[in-house]
Amino acid sequence: MNFGLTRSVAVTFLVSALFLLFVPVSRADDTAALYKSKCAMCHKADGSGNAGMKVPDFRSAAIQKETDAQLVEATANGKGKMPAQKGKLTEAQIKDLVKYIRELTKK
């Protein structure tokens, strides 16, 4: 019996298992968590907005007809009551949030 090969297979398996434990969550999961922590308090988890605060519904035709660039601009620089997120979020995070907002109409 070749214990060197068995040990090599065991080490490979262990390293693979440890790698899976420490791999960061997927980007989609990160964006969902980011939306929940930064947006959902006003825009609700489903994007329907807080009517009492006059927060727009992300699923509405008015929001969905805006271009990605317009939504990135509004998120980065603020719009109306919405505070600017530039400097608080990276450009990539803002773009990911815009994609996430687009997906809310499909849920």
PDB file of N, CA and C in Angstrom:
ATOM      1  N   MET A   1       0.845  -1.172   0.000  1.00  0.00           N
ATOM      2  CA  MET A   1       0.000   0.000   0.000  1.00  0.00           C
ATOM      3  C   MET A   1       0.895   1.241   0.000  1.00  0.00           C
ATOM      4  N   ASN A   2       0.559   2.218  -0.787  1.00  0.00           N
ATOM      5  CA  ASN A   2       1.351   3.431  -0.924  1.00  0.00           C
ATOM      6  C   ASN A   2       0.758   4.523  -0.025  1.00  0.00           C
ATOM      7  N   PHE A   3       1.316   4.654   1.195  1.00  0.00           N
ATOM      8  CA  PHE A   3       0.802   5.638   2.153  1.00  0.00           C
ATOM      9  C   PHE A   3       1.126   7.070   1.735  1.00  0.00           C
ATOM     10  N   GLY A   4       2.163   7.252   0.937  1.00  0.00           N
ATOM     11  CA  GLY A   4       2.513   8.589   0.447  1.00  0.00           C
ATOM     12  C   GLY A   4       1.400   9.150  -0.417  1.00  0.00           C
ATOM     13  N   LEU A   5       0.847   8.336  -1.281  1.00  0.00           N
ATOM     14  CA  LEU A   5      -0.243   8.759  -2.146  1.00  0.00           C
ATOM     15  C   LEU A   5      -1.505   9.010  -1.322  1.00  0.00           C
ATOM     16  N   THR A   6      -1.784   8.145  -0.369  1.00  0.00           N
ATOM     17  CA  THR A   6      -2.956   8.310   0.487  1.00  0.00           C
ATOM     18  C   THR A   6      -2.852   9.610   1.282  1.00  0.00           C
ATOM     19  N   ARG A   7      -1.677   9.878   1.814  1.00  0.00           N
ATOM     20  CA  ARG A   7      -1.464  11.113   2.570  1.00  0.00           C
ATOM     21  C   ARG A   7      -1.637  12.323   1.654  1.00  0.00           C
ATOM     22  N   SER A   8      -1.135  12.232   0.443  1.00  0.00           N
ATOM     23  CA  SER A   8      -1.267  13.327  -0.515  1.00  0.00           C
ATOM     24  C   SER A   8      -2.737  13.600  -0.835  1.00  0.00           C
ATOM     25  N   VAL A   9      -3.501  12.549  -1.027  1.00  0.00           N
ATOM     26  CA  VAL A   9      -4.937  12.696  -1.311  1.00  0.00           C
ATOM     27  C   VAL A   9      -5.634  13.313  -0.103  1.00  0.00           C
ATOM     28  N   ALA A  10      -5.289  12.866   1.100  1.00  0.00           N
ATOM     29  CA  ALA A  10      -5.895  13.388   2.323  1.00  0.00           C
ATOM     30  C   ALA A  10      -5.570  14.878   2.502  1.00  0.00           C
ATOM     31  N   VAL A  11      -4.333  15.253   2.249  1.00  0.00           N
ATOM     32  CA  VAL A  11      -3.935  16.650   2.375  1.00  0.00           C
ATOM     33  C   VAL A  11      -4.676  17.503   1.343  1.00  0.00           C
ATOM     34  N   THR A  12      -4.769  17.018   0.126  1.00  0.00           N
ATOM     35  CA  THR A  12      -5.498  17.737  -0.925  1.00  0.00           C
ATOM     36  C   THR A  12      -6.954  17.922  -0.531  1.00  0.00           C
ATOM     37  N   PHE A  13      -7.565  16.873  -0.007  1.00  0.00           N
ATOM     38  CA  PHE A  13      -8.960  16.957   0.424  1.00  0.00           C
ATOM     39  C   PHE A  13      -9.107  17.972   1.550  1.00  0.00           C
ATOM     40  N   LEU A  14      -8.213  17.949   2.521  1.00  0.00           N
ATOM     41  CA  LEU A  14      -8.270  18.861   3.659  1.00  0.00           C
ATOM     42  C   LEU A  14      -8.109  20.306   3.206  1.00  0.00           C
ATOM     43  N   VAL A  15      -7.155  20.556   2.348  1.00  0.00           N
ATOM     44  CA  VAL A  15      -6.929  21.916   1.841  1.00  0.00           C
ATOM     45  C   VAL A  15      -8.162  22.393   1.071  1.00  0.00           C
ATOM     46  N   SER A  16      -8.750  21.534   0.255  1.00  0.00           N
ATOM     47  CA  SER A  16      -9.960  21.892  -0.498  1.00  0.00           C
ATOM     48  C   SER A  16     -11.115  22.211   0.435  1.00  0.00           C
ATOM     49  N   ALA A  17     -11.296  21.400   1.468  1.00  0.00           N
ATOM     50  CA  ALA A  17     -12.373  21.626   2.431  1.00  0.00           C
ATOM     51  C   ALA A  17     -12.168  22.947   3.172  1.00  0.00           C
ATOM     52  N   LEU A  18     -10.945  23.235   3.586  1.00  0.00           N
ATOM     53  CA  LEU A  18     -10.663  24.499   4.274  1.00  0.00           C
ATOM     54  C   LEU A  18     -10.885  25.686   3.348  1.00  0.00           C
ATOM     55  N   PHE A  19     -10.511  25.547   2.100  1.00  0.00           N
ATOM     56  CA  PHE A  19     -10.715  26.618   1.123  1.00  0.00           C
ATOM     57  C   PHE A  19     -12.198  26.951   1.026  1.00  0.00           C
ATOM     58  N   LEU A  20     -13.038  25.940   0.947  1.00  0.00           N
ATOM     59  CA  LEU A  20     -14.476  26.172   0.839  1.00  0.00           C
ATOM     60  C   LEU A  20     -15.035  26.876   2.076  1.00  0.00           C
ATOM     61  N   LEU A  21     -14.458  26.622   3.215  1.00  0.00           N
ATOM     62  CA  LEU A  21     -14.926  27.277   4.434  1.00  0.00           C
ATOM     63  C   LEU A  21     -14.610  28.766   4.456  1.00  0.00           C
ATOM     64  N   PHE A  22     -13.516  29.141   3.807  1.00  0.00           N
ATOM     65  CA  PHE A  22     -13.070  30.525   3.878  1.00  0.00           C
ATOM     66  C   PHE A  22     -13.290  31.322   2.600  1.00  0.00           C
ATOM     67  N   VAL A  23     -13.929  30.734   1.616  1.00  0.00           N
ATOM     68  CA  VAL A  23     -14.244  31.467   0.392  1.00  0.00           C
ATOM     69  C   VAL A  23     -15.326  32.487   0.728  1.00  0.00           C
ATOM     70  N   PRO A  24     -15.161  33.733   0.332  1.00  0.00           N
ATOM     71  CA  PRO A  24     -16.183  34.723   0.634  1.00  0.00           C
ATOM     72  C   PRO A  24     -17.512  34.371  -0.032  1.00  0.00           C
ATOM     73  N   VAL A  25     -18.599  34.856   0.560  1.00  0.00           N
ATOM     74  CA  VAL A  25     -19.915  34.602  -0.024  1.00  0.00           C
ATOM     75  C   VAL A  25     -19.964  35.207  -1.407  1.00  0.00           C
ATOM     76  N   SER A  26     -20.882  34.738  -2.208  1.00  0.00           N
ATOM     77  CA  SER A  26     -20.949  35.221  -3.589  1.00  0.00           C
ATOM     78  C   SER A  26     -21.255  36.707  -3.624  1.00  0.00           C
ATOM     79  N   ARG A  27     -20.933  37.324  -4.716  1.00  0.00           N
ATOM     80  CA  ARG A  27     -21.157  38.760  -4.889  1.00  0.00           C
ATOM     81  C   ARG A  27     -22.644  39.092  -4.786  1.00  0.00           C
ATOM     82  N   ALA A  28     -23.497  38.208  -5.296  1.00  0.00           N
ATOM     83  CA  ALA A  28     -24.944  38.430  -5.204  1.00  0.00           C
ATOM     84  C   ALA A  28     -25.380  38.459  -3.744  1.00  0.00           C
ATOM     85  N   ASP A  29     -24.841  37.558  -2.944  1.00  0.00           N
ATOM     86  CA  ASP A  29     -25.156  37.549  -1.513  1.00  0.00           C
ATOM     87  C   ASP A  29     -24.647  38.816  -0.846  1.00  0.00           C
ATOM     88  N   ASP A  30     -23.468  39.258  -1.242  1.00  0.00           N
ATOM     89  CA  ASP A  30     -22.904  40.495  -0.695  1.00  0.00           C
ATOM     90  C   ASP A  30     -23.799  41.686  -1.029  1.00  0.00           C
ATOM     91  N   THR A  31     -24.282  41.736  -2.267  1.00  0.00           N
ATOM     92  CA  THR A  31     -25.129  42.850  -2.693  1.00  0.00           C
ATOM     93  C   THR A  31     -26.467  42.817  -1.979  1.00  0.00           C
ATOM     94  N   ALA A  32     -27.043  41.634  -1.801  1.00  0.00           N
ATOM     95  CA  ALA A  32     -28.306  41.520  -1.063  1.00  0.00           C
ATOM     96  C   ALA A  32     -28.125  42.005   0.372  1.00  0.00           C
ATOM     97  N   ALA A  33     -27.024  41.643   0.996  1.00  0.00           N
ATOM     98  CA  ALA A  33     -26.744  42.090   2.361  1.00  0.00           C
ATOM     99  C   ALA A  33     -26.507  43.604   2.401  1.00  0.00           C
ATOM    100  N   LEU A  34     -25.831  44.120   1.392  1.00  0.00           N
ATOM    101  CA  LEU A  34     -25.583  45.555   1.303  1.00  0.00           C
ATOM    102  C   LEU A  34     -26.897  46.311   1.144  1.00  0.00           C
ATOM    103  N   TYR A  35     -27.771  45.817   0.273  1.00  0.00           N
ATOM    104  CA  TYR A  35     -29.090  46.434   0.087  1.00  0.00           C
ATOM    105  C   TYR A  35     -29.847  46.432   1.409  1.00  0.00           C
ATOM    106  N   LYS A  36     -29.824  45.304   2.081  1.00  0.00           N
ATOM    107  CA  LYS A  36     -30.542  45.178   3.357  1.00  0.00           C
ATOM    108  C   LYS A  36     -30.020  46.182   4.384  1.00  0.00           C
ATOM    109  N   SER A  37     -28.704  46.360   4.436  1.00  0.00           N
ATOM    110  CA  SER A  37     -28.131  47.246   5.449  1.00  0.00           C
ATOM    111  C   SER A  37     -28.193  48.726   5.078  1.00  0.00           C
ATOM    112  N   LYS A  38     -28.155  49.047   3.794  1.00  0.00           N
ATOM    113  CA  LYS A  38     -28.081  50.452   3.380  1.00  0.00           C
ATOM    114  C   LYS A  38     -29.369  51.010   2.778  1.00  0.00           C
ATOM    115  N   CYS A  39     -30.217  50.156   2.220  1.00  0.00           N
ATOM    116  CA  CYS A  39     -31.360  50.649   1.444  1.00  0.00           C
ATOM    117  C   CYS A  39     -32.724  50.253   2.010  1.00  0.00           C
ATOM    118  N   ALA A  40     -32.800  49.051   2.551  1.00  0.00           N
ATOM    119  CA  ALA A  40     -34.090  48.484   2.939  1.00  0.00           C
ATOM    120  C   ALA A  40     -34.810  49.288   4.017  1.00  0.00           C
ATOM    121  N   MET A  41     -34.089  50.025   4.842  1.00  0.00           N
ATOM    122  CA  MET A  41     -34.742  50.781   5.911  1.00  0.00           C
ATOM    123  C   MET A  41     -35.716  51.817   5.336  1.00  0.00           C
ATOM    124  N   CYS A  42     -35.427  52.342   4.174  1.00  0.00           N
ATOM    125  CA  CYS A  42     -36.325  53.317   3.536  1.00  0.00           C
ATOM    126  C   CYS A  42     -37.073  52.718   2.349  1.00  0.00           C
ATOM    127  N   HIS A  43     -36.398  51.862   1.605  1.00  0.00           N
ATOM    128  CA  HIS A  43     -36.981  51.322   0.376  1.00  0.00           C
ATOM    129  C   HIS A  43     -37.632  49.959   0.566  1.00  0.00           C
ATOM    130  N   LYS A  44     -37.591  49.434   1.779  1.00  0.00           N
ATOM    131  CA  LYS A  44     -38.135  48.123   2.153  1.00  0.00           C
ATOM    132  C   LYS A  44     -37.387  46.991   1.443  1.00  0.00           C
ATOM    133  N   ALA A  45     -37.466  45.811   2.011  1.00  0.00           N
ATOM    134  CA  ALA A  45     -36.736  44.652   1.481  1.00  0.00           C
ATOM    135  C   ALA A  45     -37.154  44.326   0.055  1.00  0.00           C
ATOM    136  N   ASP A  46     -38.425  44.546  -0.256  1.00  0.00           N
ATOM    137  CA  ASP A  46     -38.914  44.224  -1.603  1.00  0.00           C
ATOM    138  C   ASP A  46     -38.804  45.391  -2.576  1.00  0.00           C
ATOM    139  N   GLY A  47     -38.281  46.536  -2.108  1.00  0.00           N
ATOM    140  CA  GLY A  47     -38.104  47.703  -2.966  1.00  0.00           C
ATOM    141  C   GLY A  47     -39.339  48.571  -3.101  1.00  0.00           C
ATOM    142  N   SER A  48     -40.420  48.239  -2.387  1.00  0.00           N
ATOM    143  CA  SER A  48     -41.693  48.949  -2.554  1.00  0.00           C
ATOM    144  C   SER A  48     -41.685  50.369  -1.999  1.00  0.00           C
ATOM    145  N   GLY A  49     -40.692  50.716  -1.224  1.00  0.00           N
ATOM    146  CA  GLY A  49     -40.586  52.078  -0.711  1.00  0.00           C
ATOM    147  C   GLY A  49     -41.492  52.313   0.482  1.00  0.00           C
ATOM    148  N   ASN A  50     -41.158  53.304   1.257  1.00  0.00           N
ATOM    149  CA  ASN A  50     -41.939  53.664   2.431  1.00  0.00           C
ATOM    150  C   ASN A  50     -42.826  54.838   2.050  1.00  0.00           C
ATOM    151  N   ALA A  51     -44.119  54.557   1.845  1.00  0.00           N
ATOM    152  CA  ALA A  51     -45.062  55.588   1.396  1.00  0.00           C
ATOM    153  C   ALA A  51     -45.149  56.737   2.391  1.00  0.00           C
ATOM    154  N   GLY A  52     -45.082  56.435   3.683  1.00  0.00           N
ATOM    155  CA  GLY A  52     -45.147  57.470   4.709  1.00  0.00           C
ATOM    156  C   GLY A  52     -43.995  58.458   4.624  1.00  0.00           C
ATOM    157  N   MET A  53     -42.872  57.979   4.168  1.00  0.00           N
ATOM    158  CA  MET A  53     -41.689  58.832   4.008  1.00  0.00           C
ATOM    159  C   MET A  53     -41.595  59.387   2.584  1.00  0.00           C
ATOM    160  N   LYS A  54     -42.544  59.023   1.746  1.00  0.00           N
ATOM    161  CA  LYS A  54     -42.546  59.409   0.327  1.00  0.00           C
ATOM    162  C   LYS A  54     -41.282  58.942  -0.386  1.00  0.00           C
ATOM    163  N   VAL A  55     -40.919  57.706  -0.087  1.00  0.00           N
ATOM    164  CA  VAL A  55     -39.760  57.071  -0.717  1.00  0.00           C
ATOM    165  C   VAL A  55     -40.269  56.293  -1.927  1.00  0.00           C
ATOM    166  N   PRO A  56     -39.662  56.501  -3.084  1.00  0.00           N
ATOM    167  CA  PRO A  56     -40.160  55.835  -4.292  1.00  0.00           C
ATOM    168  C   PRO A  56     -40.019  54.314  -4.268  1.00  0.00           C
ATOM    169  N   ASP A  57     -40.924  53.682  -4.983  1.00  0.00           N
ATOM    170  CA  ASP A  57     -40.933  52.238  -5.179  1.00  0.00           C
ATOM    171  C   ASP A  57     -39.940  51.916  -6.294  1.00  0.00           C
ATOM    172  N   PHE A  58     -38.903  51.168  -5.966  1.00  0.00           N
ATOM    173  CA  PHE A  58     -37.900  50.806  -6.973  1.00  0.00           C
ATOM    174  C   PHE A  58     -38.502  49.978  -8.104  1.00  0.00           C
ATOM    175  N   ARG A  59     -39.614  49.307  -7.847  1.00  0.00           N
ATOM    176  CA  ARG A  59     -40.227  48.442  -8.850  1.00  0.00           C
ATOM    177  C   ARG A  59     -41.115  49.219  -9.812  1.00  0.00           C
ATOM    178  N   SER A  60     -41.347  50.491  -9.522  1.00  0.00           N
ATOM    179  CA  SER A  60     -42.252  51.306 -10.339  1.00  0.00           C
ATOM    180  C   SER A  60     -41.681  51.547 -11.734  1.00  0.00           C
ATOM    181  N   ALA A  61     -42.597  51.815 -12.663  1.00  0.00           N
ATOM    182  CA  ALA A  61     -42.178  52.122 -14.038  1.00  0.00           C
ATOM    183  C   ALA A  61     -41.288  53.358 -14.073  1.00  0.00           C
ATOM    184  N   ALA A  62     -41.584  54.344 -13.221  1.00  0.00           N
ATOM    185  CA  ALA A  62     -40.800  55.585 -13.202  1.00  0.00           C
ATOM    186  C   ALA A  62     -39.337  55.323 -12.865  1.00  0.00           C
ATOM    187  N   ILE A  63     -39.099  54.484 -11.880  1.00  0.00           N
ATOM    188  CA  ILE A  63     -37.712  54.161 -11.506  1.00  0.00           C
ATOM    189  C   ILE A  63     -37.084  53.242 -12.534  1.00  0.00           C
ATOM    190  N   GLN A  64     -37.810  52.236 -12.962  1.00  0.00           N
ATOM    191  CA  GLN A  64     -37.264  51.251 -13.892  1.00  0.00           C
ATOM    192  C   GLN A  64     -36.953  51.839 -15.264  1.00  0.00           C
ATOM    193  N   LYS A  65     -37.605  52.944 -15.636  1.00  0.00           N
ATOM    194  CA  LYS A  65     -37.305  53.546 -16.950  1.00  0.00           C
ATOM    195  C   LYS A  65     -36.026  54.375 -16.918  1.00  0.00           C
ATOM    196  N   GLU A  66     -35.549  54.712 -15.709  1.00  0.00           N
ATOM    197  CA  GLU A  66     -34.295  55.450 -15.616  1.00  0.00           C
ATOM    198  C   GLU A  66     -33.143  54.567 -16.069  1.00  0.00           C
ATOM    199  N   THR A  67     -32.149  55.184 -16.650  1.00  0.00           N
ATOM    200  CA  THR A  67     -30.982  54.422 -17.099  1.00  0.00           C
ATOM    201  C   THR A  67     -30.148  54.007 -15.895  1.00  0.00           C
ATOM    202  N   ASP A  68     -29.286  53.027 -16.102  1.00  0.00           N
ATOM    203  CA  ASP A  68     -28.372  52.623 -15.040  1.00  0.00           C
ATOM    204  C   ASP A  68     -27.516  53.810 -14.607  1.00  0.00           C
ATOM    205  N   ALA A  69     -27.078  54.613 -15.577  1.00  0.00           N
ATOM    206  CA  ALA A  69     -26.251  55.780 -15.260  1.00  0.00           C
ATOM    207  C   ALA A  69     -27.010  56.758 -14.360  1.00  0.00           C
ATOM    208  N   GLN A  70     -28.300  56.954 -14.613  1.00  0.00           N
ATOM    209  CA  GLN A  70     -29.099  57.851 -13.776  1.00  0.00           C
ATOM    210  C   GLN A  70     -29.242  57.297 -12.356  1.00  0.00           C
ATOM    211  N   LEU A  71     -29.445  55.997 -12.243  1.00  0.00           N
ATOM    212  CA  LEU A  71     -29.578  55.392 -10.918  1.00  0.00           C
ATOM    213  C   LEU A  71     -28.250  55.401 -10.166  1.00  0.00           C
ATOM    214  N   VAL A  72     -27.162  55.179 -10.879  1.00  0.00           N
ATOM    215  CA  VAL A  72     -25.832  55.270 -10.258  1.00  0.00           C
ATOM    216  C   VAL A  72     -25.607  56.696  -9.762  1.00  0.00           C
ATOM    217  N   GLU A  73     -25.936  57.672 -10.597  1.00  0.00           N
ATOM    218  CA  GLU A  73     -25.787  59.089 -10.240  1.00  0.00           C
ATOM    219  C   GLU A  73     -26.600  59.434  -8.988  1.00  0.00           C
ATOM    220  N   ALA A  74     -27.866  59.013  -8.950  1.00  0.00           N
ATOM    221  CA  ALA A  74     -28.737  59.297  -7.809  1.00  0.00           C
ATOM    222  C   ALA A  74     -28.205  58.637  -6.538  1.00  0.00           C
ATOM    223  N   THR A  75     -27.706  57.430  -6.676  1.00  0.00           N
ATOM    224  CA  THR A  75     -27.171  56.714  -5.514  1.00  0.00           C
ATOM    225  C   THR A  75     -25.864  57.348  -5.042  1.00  0.00           C
ATOM    226  N   ALA A  76     -24.999  57.646  -5.967  1.00  0.00           N
ATOM    227  CA  ALA A  76     -23.689  58.209  -5.614  1.00  0.00           C
ATOM    228  C   ALA A  76     -23.804  59.615  -5.030  1.00  0.00           C
ATOM    229  N   ASN A  77     -24.607  60.458  -5.671  1.00  0.00           N
ATOM    230  CA  ASN A  77     -24.649  61.867  -5.296  1.00  0.00           C
ATOM    231  C   ASN A  77     -25.887  62.274  -4.499  1.00  0.00           C
ATOM    232  N   GLY A  78     -26.792  61.348  -4.313  1.00  0.00           N
ATOM    233  CA  GLY A  78     -28.020  61.645  -3.582  1.00  0.00           C
ATOM    234  C   GLY A  78     -29.056  62.276  -4.497  1.00  0.00           C
ATOM    235  N   LYS A  79     -30.305  62.164  -4.076  1.00  0.00           N
ATOM    236  CA  LYS A  79     -31.391  62.754  -4.855  1.00  0.00           C
ATOM    237  C   LYS A  79     -32.572  62.922  -3.916  1.00  0.00           C
ATOM    238  N   GLY A  80     -33.108  64.124  -3.855  1.00  0.00           N
ATOM    239  CA  GLY A  80     -34.211  64.377  -2.931  1.00  0.00           C
ATOM    240  C   GLY A  80     -33.757  64.135  -1.506  1.00  0.00           C
ATOM    241  N   LYS A  81     -34.487  63.293  -0.795  1.00  0.00           N
ATOM    242  CA  LYS A  81     -34.147  62.975   0.595  1.00  0.00           C
ATOM    243  C   LYS A  81     -33.015  61.957   0.715  1.00  0.00           C
ATOM    244  N   MET A  82     -32.713  61.309  -0.396  1.00  0.00           N
ATOM    245  CA  MET A  82     -31.701  60.258  -0.332  1.00  0.00           C
ATOM    246  C   MET A  82     -30.307  60.858  -0.204  1.00  0.00           C
ATOM    247  N   PRO A  83     -29.576  60.432   0.833  1.00  0.00           N
ATOM    248  CA  PRO A  83     -28.216  60.950   1.005  1.00  0.00           C
ATOM    249  C   PRO A  83     -27.245  60.328   0.004  1.00  0.00           C
ATOM    250  N   ALA A  84     -26.224  61.074  -0.308  1.00  0.00           N
ATOM    251  CA  ALA A  84     -25.178  60.594  -1.212  1.00  0.00           C
ATOM    252  C   ALA A  84     -24.451  59.410  -0.587  1.00  0.00           C
ATOM    253  N   GLN A  85     -24.144  58.426  -1.415  1.00  0.00           N
ATOM    254  CA  GLN A  85     -23.423  57.232  -0.959  1.00  0.00           C
ATOM    255  C   GLN A  85     -21.976  57.219  -1.444  1.00  0.00           C
ATOM    256  N   LYS A  86     -21.623  58.206  -2.269  1.00  0.00           N
ATOM    257  CA  LYS A  86     -20.241  58.318  -2.753  1.00  0.00           C
ATOM    258  C   LYS A  86     -19.327  58.511  -1.554  1.00  0.00           C
ATOM    259  N   GLY A  87     -18.281  57.730  -1.480  1.00  0.00           N
ATOM    260  CA  GLY A  87     -17.371  57.786  -0.351  1.00  0.00           C
ATOM    261  C   GLY A  87     -17.756  56.817   0.759  1.00  0.00           C
ATOM    262  N   LYS A  88     -19.024  56.406   0.766  1.00  0.00           N
ATOM    263  CA  LYS A  88     -19.486  55.405   1.732  1.00  0.00           C
ATOM    264  C   LYS A  88     -19.501  54.025   1.084  1.00  0.00           C
ATOM    265  N   LEU A  89     -19.793  54.009  -0.217  1.00  0.00           N
ATOM    266  CA  LEU A  89     -19.809  52.777  -0.999  1.00  0.00           C
ATOM    267  C   LEU A  89     -18.850  52.932  -2.165  1.00  0.00           C
ATOM    268  N   THR A  90     -18.292  51.832  -2.617  1.00  0.00           N
ATOM    269  CA  THR A  90     -17.423  51.888  -3.792  1.00  0.00           C
ATOM    270  C   THR A  90     -18.286  52.014  -5.047  1.00  0.00           C
ATOM    271  N   GLU A  91     -17.658  52.402  -6.129  1.00  0.00           N
ATOM    272  CA  GLU A  91     -18.358  52.499  -7.406  1.00  0.00           C
ATOM    273  C   GLU A  91     -18.935  51.132  -7.808  1.00  0.00           C
ATOM    274  N   ALA A  92     -18.170  50.080  -7.568  1.00  0.00           N
ATOM    275  CA  ALA A  92     -18.627  48.720  -7.882  1.00  0.00           C
ATOM    276  C   ALA A  92     -19.845  48.347  -7.039  1.00  0.00           C
ATOM    277  N   GLN A  93     -19.850  48.711  -5.762  1.00  0.00           N
ATOM    278  CA  GLN A  93     -21.001  48.414  -4.904  1.00  0.00           C
ATOM    279  C   GLN A  93     -22.250  49.149  -5.392  1.00  0.00           C
ATOM    280  N   ILE A  94     -22.084  50.398  -5.792  1.00  0.00           N
ATOM    281  CA  ILE A  94     -23.222  51.176  -6.289  1.00  0.00           C
ATOM    282  C   ILE A  94     -23.774  50.546  -7.560  1.00  0.00           C
ATOM    283  N   LYS A  95     -22.902  50.148  -8.467  1.00  0.00           N
ATOM    284  CA  LYS A  95     -23.348  49.500  -9.708  1.00  0.00           C
ATOM    285  C   LYS A  95     -24.047  48.172  -9.408  1.00  0.00           C
ATOM    286  N   ASP A  96     -23.525  47.424  -8.442  1.00  0.00           N
ATOM    287  CA  ASP A  96     -24.162  46.172  -8.048  1.00  0.00           C
ATOM    288  C   ASP A  96     -25.544  46.426  -7.455  1.00  0.00           C
ATOM    289  N   LEU A  97     -25.681  47.499  -6.681  1.00  0.00           N
ATOM    290  CA  LEU A  97     -26.991  47.840  -6.118  1.00  0.00           C
ATOM    291  C   LEU A  97     -27.992  48.194  -7.215  1.00  0.00           C
ATOM    292  N   VAL A  98     -27.534  48.887  -8.234  1.00  0.00           N
ATOM    293  CA  VAL A  98     -28.419  49.215  -9.362  1.00  0.00           C
ATOM    294  C   VAL A  98     -28.901  47.924 -10.035  1.00  0.00           C
ATOM    295  N   LYS A  99     -28.005  46.981 -10.249  1.00  0.00           N
ATOM    296  CA  LYS A  99     -28.404  45.684 -10.822  1.00  0.00           C
ATOM    297  C   LYS A  99     -29.409  44.992  -9.906  1.00  0.00           C
ATOM    298  N   TYR A 100     -29.176  45.069  -8.610  1.00  0.00           N
ATOM    299  CA  TYR A 100     -30.074  44.452  -7.632  1.00  0.00           C
ATOM    300  C   TYR A 100     -31.456  45.101  -7.701  1.00  0.00           C
ATOM    301  N   ILE A 101     -31.493  46.424  -7.823  1.00  0.00           N
ATOM    302  CA  ILE A 101     -32.764  47.136  -7.937  1.00  0.00           C
ATOM    303  C   ILE A 101     -33.523  46.687  -9.178  1.00  0.00           C
ATOM    304  N   ARG A 102     -32.816  46.468 -10.253  1.00  0.00           N
ATOM    305  CA  ARG A 102     -33.451  45.976 -11.492  1.00  0.00           C
ATOM    306  C   ARG A 102     -34.087  44.591 -11.270  1.00  0.00           C
ATOM    307  N   GLU A 103     -33.465  43.791 -10.458  1.00  0.00           N
ATOM    308  CA  GLU A 103     -33.960  42.434 -10.196  1.00  0.00           C
ATOM    309  C   GLU A 103     -35.204  42.417  -9.296  1.00  0.00           C
ATOM    310  N   LEU A 104     -35.443  43.483  -8.554  1.00  0.00           N
ATOM    311  CA  LEU A 104     -36.594  43.516  -7.650  1.00  0.00           C
ATOM    312  C   LEU A 104     -37.913  43.377  -8.387  1.00  0.00           C
ATOM    313  N   THR A 105     -37.962  43.804  -9.637  1.00  0.00           N
ATOM    314  CA  THR A 105     -39.210  43.669 -10.403  1.00  0.00           C
ATOM    315  C   THR A 105     -39.477  42.221 -10.785  1.00  0.00           C
ATOM    316  N   LYS A 106     -38.478  41.388 -10.709  1.00  0.00           N
ATOM    317  CA  LYS A 106     -38.618  39.980 -11.105  1.00  0.00           C
ATOM    318  C   LYS A 106     -38.948  39.068  -9.926  1.00  0.00           C
ATOM    319  N   LYS A 107     -38.976  39.628  -8.722  1.00  0.00           N
ATOM    320  CA  LYS A 107     -39.217  38.811  -7.538  1.00  0.00           C
ATOM    321  C   LYS A 107     -40.686  38.750  -7.195  1.00  0.00           C
TER     322      LYS A 107
END
